Amino acid sequence: MPRRFNASRFSAAGRAQRWRRWLGRTDLAVSVALAAVLFAMVNLLASRHWVRLHARSDAVGRLSEKTLRLLEDGPDAIRFTVLMRPENDAWQPTADLLREYAALSPGITVRHVHPDRDLAEAESLLRDAGASGATEEGIIVEIDGRRASIPAARLSAGGAYRGEALVSGAIRSLVRPSRPVVYFLRGHGERSPGDFGPTGCSRIADRMRDENWDVRELDFGTARAVPADCALLVLAGPQNPLAGHELNLLRGHLDRRGRLLLLLDPRTDTGLGPLLRDWGVQTGGDTVADPVHSLGGRDLHADAFPGHPVTDSLRGSSAVFALTRSLRPIPQPPGGDKPVVTPVVLSSPDSWAEYDPGDASPHYDPPTDLPGPLPVAVAVERGPVPGVHVQIRPTRMMVFGDSGFASNGGLVGANSDLFLNAVHWLLDDDPARMVPGPRDAGDRRVLATRPQLHRLFACIAVGFPALLAAAGFAVAWRRRR
């Protein structure tokens, strides 16, 4: 059948219609091209000027400020090798944690090695890291050819994920290869770093090892002297008096610009009174009572921290002392190389020094008791004569009126950070760069009742689609108008 001649194709209206159609397609193509260019530009800017936001609030959701400060002055290149099976409970939090480290710098890289699939490489890594057994899992940290290994069993020890503390501690140990030796004195009923019971100090000793400190024990009965490599000597709650020759050893250690950390318990004769008086500290036979800031009247919740490097990072926190005595500075005559005693932790104005040990319900007795606030921890420092600028390492001592706050059963509140800050100050280190402690991720599930779930389902399955449909009908109605 012959085709009909369509004159409208060659008419002015037909040409205008074709032009409009062509212009519409061109406009669509240009719009798509501009959108693609804009999308590429936005992605380019985002890749160069990005901001990471954390929607999670658990322990591995973000790095602590202490880790960030540690990495600010740390090495530019850090290599993490995760030698761990995915079915290990610590694998996922470790992967999330190391992803946070890698996001801080392009020089920080993370590599995962499966112990079973990459058997040859796993054996090589274990051999180079000095690990025994081809089935051991963990993290290998490498900086400038030096390596440190973290066993996977330590990552979740004690029920809390300790990945950040161990990884940051490994970085610090590689940056600072020298390990200060900290001795715990024993032989007088002291709390032991090897005691895992509630009265021991094993937990705080683990934190100290995370800080790259070598923790050892010392017995004057066998050593007969303070070792030359002793960077800090700790007396954690002696229950029996020290002998005269032992006091002389402590005096000699302090005379050699040594460092001493004393944790004393109330109403306990340690024989250290004359030594402390020589250093400007008076220990009384009292117990600090504060019914307003305690649960049982004998424990003390202290949140008054005068300005000192030990407590500058503890503002807004509270230290808990189960039973503590007061420590009072002794006024020193002016001139000479005199020790300077600075209160570090104070009790509240509602407290007092109770001198009646048999009082079941302690109350303030003005004739004998001393009103608060009272120092329960003091820092002692003796160095060069004021005004004389010489490079002499000062002698430092830290004294606490309670030893239970550093025990395994007493590490609550800011107790752990308070103890470690004191050790940092005694070792001439910055407490602000302390390795972060273990944080419990906890249970982050959302709990809801059945009516709440029904309302949530109605909102998601009905409300959102209805809102979109209403918006579509509104746009169509407006176009028809």
Protein backbone atom coordinates (compact mmCIF):
# COMPACT_ATOMS: atom_id res chain seq x y z
CA MET A 1 0.00 0.00 0.00
CA PRO A 2 1.42 3.39 -0.93
CA ARG A 3 2.43 5.63 2.03
CA ARG A 4 0.40 8.74 2.68
CA PHE A 5 2.07 12.05 2.40
CA ASN A 6 2.24 13.76 5.82
CA ALA A 7 2.44 17.45 5.22
CA SER A 8 2.65 18.19 8.94
CA ARG A 9 6.18 16.84 8.99
CA PHE A 10 7.33 19.69 6.81
CA SER A 11 5.14 22.35 8.34
CA ALA A 12 6.36 25.01 10.74
CA ALA A 13 4.55 23.34 13.66
CA GLY A 14 6.23 20.02 12.92
CA ARG A 15 9.66 21.61 12.74
CA ALA A 16 9.05 23.41 16.03
CA GLN A 17 7.95 20.17 17.63
CA ARG A 18 11.11 18.40 16.44
CA TRP A 19 13.25 21.30 17.72
CA ARG A 20 11.59 21.13 21.12
CA ARG A 21 12.13 17.38 21.25
CA TRP A 22 15.77 17.77 20.24
CA LEU A 23 16.33 20.59 22.76
CA GLY A 24 14.71 18.49 25.50
CA ARG A 25 17.02 15.57 24.80
CA THR A 26 20.03 17.88 24.65
CA ASP A 27 19.01 19.49 27.92
CA LEU A 28 18.66 16.05 29.52
CA ALA A 29 22.08 14.96 28.24
CA VAL A 30 23.73 18.16 29.44
CA SER A 31 22.02 17.82 32.82
CA VAL A 32 23.23 14.24 33.19
CA ALA A 33 26.77 15.28 32.17
CA LEU A 34 26.79 18.17 34.63
CA ALA A 35 25.46 15.91 37.38
CA ALA A 36 28.25 13.41 36.65
CA VAL A 37 30.88 16.16 36.74
CA LEU A 38 29.42 17.54 39.98
CA PHE A 39 29.39 14.05 41.49
CA ALA A 40 33.03 13.52 40.53
CA MET A 41 34.03 16.91 41.96
CA VAL A 42 32.23 16.21 45.24
CA ASN A 43 33.93 12.82 45.54
CA LEU A 44 37.31 14.37 44.76
CA LEU A 45 36.85 17.00 47.44
CA ALA A 46 35.56 14.39 49.89
CA SER A 47 38.61 12.20 49.30
CA ARG A 48 40.94 15.11 50.11
CA HIS A 49 38.93 16.86 52.84
CA TRP A 50 37.08 14.13 54.68
CA VAL A 51 35.57 14.02 58.15
CA ARG A 52 34.92 10.77 60.01
CA LEU A 53 31.83 10.63 62.21
CA HIS A 54 31.24 7.84 64.74
CA ALA A 55 27.75 6.49 65.14
CA ARG A 56 28.96 3.92 67.66
CA SER A 57 29.70 4.67 71.31
CA ASP A 58 31.28 1.36 72.33
CA ALA A 59 34.90 0.69 73.24
CA VAL A 60 36.13 0.08 69.70
CA GLY A 61 34.05 2.81 68.09
CA ARG A 62 36.75 5.46 68.46
CA LEU A 63 40.27 5.88 69.78
CA SER A 64 40.87 7.61 73.08
CA GLU A 65 42.51 11.00 73.40
CA LYS A 66 45.54 9.36 75.00
CA THR A 67 46.11 7.18 71.92
CA LEU A 68 45.71 10.18 69.63
CA ARG A 69 48.32 12.10 71.63
CA LEU A 70 50.60 9.06 71.55
CA LEU A 71 50.42 8.90 67.75
CA GLU A 72 50.85 12.64 67.22
CA ASP A 73 54.55 12.47 68.08
CA GLY A 74 54.91 8.83 67.08
CA PRO A 75 56.36 7.24 63.93
CA ASP A 76 54.91 7.96 60.52
CA ALA A 77 54.93 4.30 59.40
CA ILE A 78 53.35 1.53 61.47
CA ARG A 79 52.55 -1.90 60.08
CA PHE A 80 49.96 -4.15 61.73
CA THR A 81 49.73 -7.83 60.82
CA VAL A 82 46.70 -9.65 62.21
CA LEU A 83 47.44 -13.36 62.48
CA MET A 84 44.03 -14.54 63.60
CA ARG A 85 41.16 -16.74 62.50
CA PRO A 86 37.86 -14.94 61.78
CA GLU A 87 36.02 -17.24 64.17
CA ASN A 88 38.12 -15.93 67.05
CA ASP A 89 36.04 -13.73 69.36
CA ALA A 90 38.68 -11.00 69.23
CA TRP A 91 38.93 -10.90 65.43
CA GLN A 92 36.05 -8.50 64.69
CA PRO A 93 36.81 -5.92 67.44
CA THR A 94 40.48 -6.10 66.44
CA ALA A 95 39.66 -5.43 62.80
CA ASP A 96 37.47 -2.48 63.80
CA LEU A 97 40.14 -1.12 66.14
CA LEU A 98 42.98 -1.31 63.63
CA ARG A 99 40.77 0.33 61.01
CA GLU A 100 40.62 3.34 63.35
CA TYR A 101 44.42 3.39 63.61
CA ALA A 102 44.80 3.14 59.82
CA ALA A 103 42.40 6.06 59.30
CA LEU A 104 44.76 8.40 61.15
CA SER A 105 47.64 8.25 58.68
CA PRO A 106 48.38 6.75 55.24
CA GLY A 107 51.60 5.36 56.73
CA ILE A 108 49.65 3.03 59.04
CA THR A 109 48.79 -0.21 57.22
CA VAL A 110 46.86 -3.30 58.29
CA ARG A 111 47.29 -6.78 56.82
CA HIS A 112 45.30 -9.91 57.71
CA VAL A 113 46.91 -13.35 57.52
CA HIS A 114 44.86 -16.54 58.04
CA PRO A 115 46.86 -19.05 60.13
CA ASP A 116 45.44 -22.02 58.19
CA ARG A 117 45.12 -20.73 54.62
CA ASP A 118 48.44 -18.86 54.61
CA LEU A 119 50.37 -21.47 56.57
CA ALA A 120 53.85 -20.69 55.18
CA GLU A 121 53.49 -16.94 55.79
CA ALA A 122 52.04 -17.54 59.24
CA GLU A 123 54.97 -19.73 60.24
CA SER A 124 57.41 -17.13 58.91
CA LEU A 125 55.72 -14.36 60.91
CA LEU A 126 55.71 -16.42 64.09
CA ARG A 127 59.35 -17.32 63.64
CA ASP A 128 60.38 -13.70 63.05
CA ALA A 129 58.31 -12.50 65.99
CA GLY A 130 59.83 -15.10 68.28
CA ALA A 131 56.54 -16.85 68.97
CA SER A 132 56.46 -20.54 69.74
CA GLY A 133 54.00 -22.82 67.99
CA ALA A 134 52.48 -22.41 64.55
CA THR A 135 48.94 -22.14 65.92
CA GLU A 136 49.45 -19.03 68.06
CA GLU A 137 47.27 -16.10 67.06
CA GLY A 138 47.70 -12.42 67.71
CA ILE A 139 48.79 -9.03 66.37
CA ILE A 140 52.30 -8.20 65.18
CA VAL A 141 53.27 -4.52 65.33
CA GLU A 142 56.26 -3.40 63.26
CA ILE A 143 58.00 -0.01 63.38
CA ASP A 144 61.32 0.65 61.60
CA GLY A 145 62.20 -3.04 61.52
CA ARG A 146 61.41 -3.61 65.21
CA ARG A 147 58.54 -5.93 66.07
CA ALA A 148 56.28 -6.58 69.02
CA SER A 149 53.69 -9.35 69.23
CA ILE A 150 50.39 -9.32 71.14
CA PRO A 151 48.83 -12.76 71.79
CA ALA A 152 45.12 -12.97 70.99
CA ALA A 153 44.45 -14.49 74.41
CA ARG A 154 45.43 -11.19 76.06
CA LEU A 155 43.07 -9.10 73.94
CA SER A 156 39.92 -10.18 75.77
CA ALA A 157 41.41 -11.24 79.11
CA GLY A 158 39.17 -10.56 82.09
CA GLY A 159 35.98 -10.11 80.04
CA ALA A 160 36.92 -6.65 78.72
CA TYR A 161 38.47 -6.00 75.32
CA ARG A 162 41.98 -4.65 75.93
CA GLY A 163 42.97 -4.17 72.30
CA GLU A 164 43.63 -0.43 72.37
CA ALA A 165 45.66 -0.62 75.59
CA LEU A 166 47.83 -3.44 74.25
CA VAL A 167 48.29 -1.99 70.76
CA SER A 168 49.16 1.48 72.07
CA GLY A 169 51.47 -0.11 74.63
CA ALA A 170 53.22 -2.06 71.89
CA ILE A 171 53.69 1.12 69.84
CA ARG A 172 55.12 2.87 72.87
CA SER A 173 57.50 -0.02 73.61
CA LEU A 174 58.84 0.13 70.04
CA VAL A 175 59.21 3.90 70.07
CA ARG A 176 60.92 3.81 73.48
CA PRO A 177 62.91 0.57 73.60
CA SER A 178 64.23 1.14 77.16
CA ARG A 179 62.00 -0.30 79.87
CA PRO A 180 62.08 1.33 83.32
CA VAL A 181 62.24 -1.28 86.08
CA VAL A 182 59.67 -0.88 88.87
CA TYR A 183 60.27 -2.94 92.01
CA PHE A 184 57.56 -3.89 94.52
CA LEU A 185 59.05 -4.43 97.95
CA ARG A 186 57.93 -7.57 99.78
CA GLY A 187 58.60 -9.24 103.11
CA HIS A 188 56.42 -6.99 105.31
CA GLY A 189 52.92 -8.13 104.31
CA GLU A 190 52.75 -5.85 101.23
CA ARG A 191 50.30 -6.34 98.39
CA SER A 192 51.96 -8.36 95.66
CA PRO A 193 51.83 -7.77 91.87
CA GLY A 194 51.73 -11.55 91.49
CA ASP A 195 48.62 -11.96 93.67
CA PHE A 196 45.47 -12.40 91.56
CA GLY A 197 43.10 -12.27 94.53
CA PRO A 198 40.99 -9.25 95.47
CA THR A 199 43.73 -7.93 97.79
CA GLY A 200 46.56 -8.37 95.26
CA CYS A 201 47.93 -5.92 92.70
CA SER A 202 48.03 -8.10 89.58
CA ARG A 203 45.59 -5.92 87.64
CA ILE A 204 47.52 -2.71 88.16
CA ALA A 205 50.73 -4.62 87.41
CA ASP A 206 49.26 -5.63 84.03
CA ARG A 207 48.47 -1.99 83.33
CA MET A 208 52.05 -1.09 84.20
CA ARG A 209 53.38 -3.71 81.78
CA ASP A 210 51.11 -2.24 79.11
CA GLU A 211 52.97 1.02 79.73
CA ASN A 212 56.24 -0.75 78.85
CA TRP A 213 57.42 -0.93 82.46
CA ASP A 214 59.26 -3.96 83.79
CA VAL A 215 57.52 -4.99 87.03
CA ARG A 216 59.56 -7.04 89.50
CA GLU A 217 59.58 -7.89 93.21
CA LEU A 218 62.33 -7.08 95.71
CA ASP A 219 63.07 -8.64 99.08
CA PHE A 220 65.61 -6.91 101.29
CA GLY A 221 66.21 -10.21 103.02
CA THR A 222 67.94 -11.58 99.94
CA ALA A 223 68.88 -8.48 97.90
CA ARG A 224 70.48 -6.56 100.79
CA ALA A 225 70.34 -3.38 98.67
CA VAL A 226 68.20 -1.47 96.21
CA PRO A 227 69.28 -2.60 92.70
CA ALA A 228 71.07 -0.06 90.56
CA ASP A 229 68.50 -0.47 87.76
CA CYS A 230 65.61 0.45 90.06
CA ALA A 231 63.74 3.35 88.47
CA LEU A 232 60.97 3.26 91.09
CA LEU A 233 60.48 1.42 94.38
CA VAL A 234 56.89 0.73 95.49
CA LEU A 235 55.77 -0.17 99.02
CA ALA A 236 52.15 -1.28 98.62
CA GLY A 237 50.62 -1.46 102.08
CA PRO A 238 53.28 -2.87 104.42
CA GLN A 239 51.65 -4.43 107.49
CA ASN A 240 54.81 -4.98 109.55
CA PRO A 241 57.49 -2.44 110.55
CA LEU A 242 60.61 -2.18 108.45
CA ALA A 243 63.89 -2.92 110.21
CA GLY A 244 66.47 -0.25 110.84
CA HIS A 245 68.85 -1.38 108.09
CA GLU A 246 65.92 -1.47 105.65
CA LEU A 247 65.09 2.14 106.46
CA ASN A 248 68.72 2.99 105.82
CA LEU A 249 68.47 1.34 102.40
CA LEU A 250 65.43 3.51 101.61
CA ARG A 251 67.28 6.62 102.78
CA GLY A 252 70.24 5.74 100.59
CA HIS A 253 67.93 5.18 97.62
CA LEU A 254 66.41 8.64 98.08
CA ASP A 255 69.82 10.24 98.61
CA ARG A 256 70.84 8.87 95.19
CA ARG A 257 67.96 10.78 93.57
CA GLY A 258 65.80 7.66 93.63
CA ARG A 259 62.02 7.54 93.36
CA LEU A 260 59.68 6.08 96.00
CA LEU A 261 55.93 5.34 95.99
CA LEU A 262 54.37 4.62 99.39
CA LEU A 263 50.87 3.21 99.87
CA LEU A 264 50.15 3.29 103.60
CA ASP A 265 47.16 1.96 105.53
CA PRO A 266 45.64 3.68 108.58
CA ARG A 267 46.45 2.51 112.09
CA THR A 268 49.34 0.40 110.82
CA ASP A 269 52.84 0.77 112.23
CA THR A 270 55.25 0.59 109.30
CA GLY A 271 58.26 2.18 110.94
CA LEU A 272 58.34 4.80 108.16
CA GLY A 273 57.32 7.71 110.40
CA PRO A 274 60.86 9.10 111.00
CA LEU A 275 61.73 8.81 107.32
CA LEU A 276 58.58 10.64 106.26
CA ARG A 277 59.09 13.35 108.85
CA ASP A 278 62.54 14.00 107.45
CA TRP A 279 60.85 14.53 104.10
CA GLY A 280 58.18 16.89 105.46
CA VAL A 281 55.21 14.50 105.78
CA GLN A 282 53.34 13.88 109.02
CA THR A 283 51.30 10.67 109.28
CA GLY A 284 48.78 10.56 112.09
CA GLY A 285 47.08 7.64 113.78
CA ASP A 286 43.71 8.66 112.39
CA THR A 287 41.14 7.57 109.85
CA VAL A 288 39.47 10.09 107.56
CA ALA A 289 35.68 9.98 107.97
CA ASP A 290 33.25 11.63 105.57
CA PRO A 291 29.64 10.43 105.92
CA VAL A 292 28.45 12.93 103.30
CA HIS A 293 30.73 11.65 100.51
CA SER A 294 30.68 7.94 101.32
CA LEU A 295 28.31 5.00 101.39
CA GLY A 296 29.33 3.44 104.68
CA GLY A 297 30.97 6.35 106.47
CA ARG A 298 34.48 4.88 106.32
CA ASP A 299 35.07 4.84 102.58
CA LEU A 300 35.99 8.12 100.94
CA HIS A 301 34.96 9.41 97.52
CA ALA A 302 37.47 12.15 96.76
CA ASP A 303 37.02 14.48 93.80
CA ALA A 304 39.01 17.49 95.03
CA PHE A 305 42.27 17.51 93.07
CA PRO A 306 44.52 20.56 93.53
CA GLY A 307 46.64 21.56 90.60
CA HIS A 308 49.34 18.94 90.02
CA PRO A 309 50.49 16.91 86.98
CA VAL A 310 49.30 13.71 88.68
CA THR A 311 45.67 14.85 88.80
CA ASP A 312 45.38 17.37 85.96
CA SER A 313 43.75 14.74 83.73
CA LEU A 314 41.32 13.57 86.45
CA ARG A 315 39.09 16.64 86.58
CA GLY A 316 35.48 15.55 86.91
CA SER A 317 36.45 12.07 88.15
CA SER A 318 36.37 10.58 91.62
CA ALA A 319 38.87 8.38 93.45
CA VAL A 320 37.55 5.88 95.97
CA PHE A 321 39.54 5.02 99.10
CA ALA A 322 38.17 2.22 101.24
CA LEU A 323 39.94 3.33 104.41
CA THR A 324 42.51 6.10 104.44
CA ARG A 325 44.56 8.17 106.83
CA SER A 326 45.43 11.83 106.55
CA LEU A 327 48.85 13.10 105.44
CA ARG A 328 49.84 16.58 106.54
CA PRO A 329 52.78 18.64 105.29
CA ILE A 330 55.26 19.74 107.95
CA PRO A 331 56.28 23.41 107.63
CA GLN A 332 59.92 23.68 106.59
CA PRO A 333 62.29 26.51 107.52
CA PRO A 334 63.23 28.72 104.58
CA GLY A 335 66.48 28.27 102.67
CA GLY A 336 68.50 25.24 101.69
CA ASP A 337 67.55 22.16 99.75
CA LYS A 338 64.24 21.47 101.49
CA PRO A 339 61.59 19.01 100.33
CA VAL A 340 58.45 20.55 98.86
CA VAL A 341 55.26 18.74 99.88
CA THR A 342 52.21 19.29 97.66
CA PRO A 343 48.73 17.90 98.44
CA VAL A 344 47.46 15.91 95.46
CA VAL A 345 44.12 14.53 96.70
CA LEU A 346 41.96 16.24 99.32
CA SER A 347 38.92 15.10 101.25
CA SER A 348 35.81 17.25 101.30
CA PRO A 349 35.11 20.05 103.81
CA ASP A 350 32.56 17.71 105.44
CA SER A 351 35.28 15.24 106.45
CA TRP A 352 37.45 15.04 109.53
CA ALA A 353 40.34 12.99 110.95
CA GLU A 354 38.80 10.50 113.37
CA TYR A 355 41.12 9.51 116.24
CA ASP A 356 38.78 7.09 118.06
CA PRO A 357 39.19 3.67 116.42
CA GLY A 358 36.54 2.04 118.59
CA ASP A 359 33.72 4.42 117.66
CA ALA A 360 31.13 2.39 115.72
CA SER A 361 29.39 5.56 114.49
CA PRO A 362 32.11 8.16 114.00
CA HIS A 363 31.26 11.78 114.68
CA TYR A 364 33.30 14.95 114.71
CA ASP A 365 34.83 15.65 118.13
CA PRO A 366 36.41 19.15 118.05
CA PRO A 367 38.83 18.67 120.92
CA THR A 368 40.69 15.79 119.27
CA ASP A 369 39.54 15.41 115.67
CA LEU A 370 40.87 17.57 112.84
CA PRO A 371 38.37 19.18 110.43
CA GLY A 372 38.61 18.76 106.68
CA PRO A 373 39.56 19.17 103.95
CA LEU A 374 42.53 16.91 104.62
CA PRO A 375 45.25 15.66 102.25
CA VAL A 376 45.04 11.91 101.65
CA ALA A 377 47.78 11.85 98.99
CA VAL A 378 50.84 14.10 98.74
CA ALA A 379 53.71 14.54 96.31
CA VAL A 380 57.18 15.27 97.67
CA GLU A 381 59.99 16.72 95.59
CA ARG A 382 63.45 17.87 96.54
CA GLY A 383 65.81 19.29 93.98
CA PRO A 384 68.24 22.17 93.46
CA VAL A 385 68.17 25.28 95.58
CA PRO A 386 65.54 27.73 94.24
CA GLY A 387 67.12 30.32 91.96
CA VAL A 388 70.11 28.15 91.05
CA HIS A 389 69.75 26.76 87.51
CA VAL A 390 71.59 23.44 87.39
CA GLN A 391 70.77 20.20 85.57
CA ILE A 392 70.16 18.00 88.61
CA ARG A 393 67.51 15.29 88.64
CA PRO A 394 65.22 15.93 91.62
CA THR A 395 64.25 13.32 94.17
CA ARG A 396 60.56 12.50 94.10
CA MET A 397 58.25 10.65 96.45
CA MET A 398 54.51 9.97 96.33
CA VAL A 399 52.60 8.99 99.49
CA PHE A 400 49.01 7.73 99.67
CA GLY A 401 47.08 7.20 102.90
CA ASP A 402 45.47 3.99 101.58
CA SER A 403 46.78 0.95 99.72
CA GLY A 404 43.47 -0.73 98.92
CA PHE A 405 42.61 1.73 96.16
CA ALA A 406 45.27 0.05 93.95
CA SER A 407 44.24 -3.54 94.77
CA ASN A 408 42.39 -5.81 92.36
CA GLY A 409 39.16 -5.29 94.25
CA GLY A 410 39.62 -1.54 94.60
CA LEU A 411 40.24 -0.42 91.02
CA VAL A 412 37.04 1.56 90.63
CA GLY A 413 36.42 5.11 89.50
CA ALA A 414 39.64 6.96 88.74
CA ASN A 415 41.80 4.77 91.01
CA SER A 416 43.71 3.07 88.22
CA ASP A 417 44.48 6.32 86.40
CA LEU A 418 45.46 7.99 89.67
CA PHE A 419 48.00 5.27 90.47
CA LEU A 420 49.45 5.20 86.95
CA ASN A 421 49.61 9.00 86.77
CA ALA A 422 51.62 8.96 89.99
CA VAL A 423 54.05 6.41 88.49
CA HIS A 424 54.36 8.53 85.33
CA TRP A 425 55.20 11.62 87.37
CA LEU A 426 57.74 9.71 89.46
CA LEU A 427 59.41 8.45 86.27
CA ASP A 428 59.59 11.95 84.73
CA ASP A 429 56.98 11.05 82.14
CA ASP A 430 53.90 12.92 80.99
CA PRO A 431 50.74 11.42 82.56
CA ALA A 432 48.68 12.83 79.67
CA ARG A 433 50.33 10.33 77.30
CA MET A 434 49.43 7.33 79.42
CA VAL A 435 48.30 4.26 77.51
CA PRO A 436 44.48 3.96 77.68
CA GLY A 437 43.09 1.23 79.85
CA PRO A 438 40.71 -1.58 78.87
CA ARG A 439 37.18 -0.52 78.16
CA ASP A 440 34.17 -2.81 78.26
CA ALA A 441 32.13 -2.61 75.08
CA GLY A 442 29.03 -3.82 76.89
CA ASP A 443 25.68 -4.86 75.41
CA ARG A 444 24.49 -2.33 72.80
CA ARG A 445 21.26 -4.06 71.78
CA VAL A 446 18.12 -1.95 71.52
CA LEU A 447 15.42 -3.23 73.90
CA ALA A 448 11.79 -2.49 73.03
CA THR A 449 8.37 -3.70 74.15
CA ARG A 450 5.86 -5.33 71.81
CA PRO A 451 3.73 -2.15 71.41
CA GLN A 452 6.89 -0.20 70.62
CA LEU A 453 7.85 -2.76 67.99
CA HIS A 454 4.36 -2.54 66.47
CA ARG A 455 4.58 1.25 66.27
CA LEU A 456 8.05 0.99 64.75
CA PHE A 457 6.78 -1.48 62.15
CA ALA A 458 3.81 0.76 61.32
CA CYS A 459 6.12 3.75 60.92
CA ILE A 460 8.53 1.91 58.62
CA ALA A 461 6.12 -0.27 56.63
CA VAL A 462 3.16 2.14 56.40
CA GLY A 463 4.19 5.64 57.40
CA PHE A 464 7.21 6.15 55.12
CA PRO A 465 5.54 4.65 51.98
CA ALA A 466 2.41 6.70 52.63
CA LEU A 467 4.50 9.85 52.95
CA LEU A 468 6.24 9.16 49.64
CA ALA A 469 2.91 8.39 47.95
CA ALA A 470 1.40 11.63 49.25
CA ALA A 471 4.38 13.58 47.92
CA GLY A 472 3.95 11.93 44.52
CA PHE A 473 0.23 12.73 44.36
CA ALA A 474 0.97 16.34 45.34
CA VAL A 475 3.51 16.71 42.52
CA ALA A 476 1.13 15.12 39.97
CA TRP A 477 -1.79 17.32 41.05
CA ARG A 478 0.35 20.44 40.78
CA ARG A 479 1.47 19.50 37.25
CA ARG A 480 -2.11 18.94 36.11
CA ARG A 481 -3.02 22.41 37.31
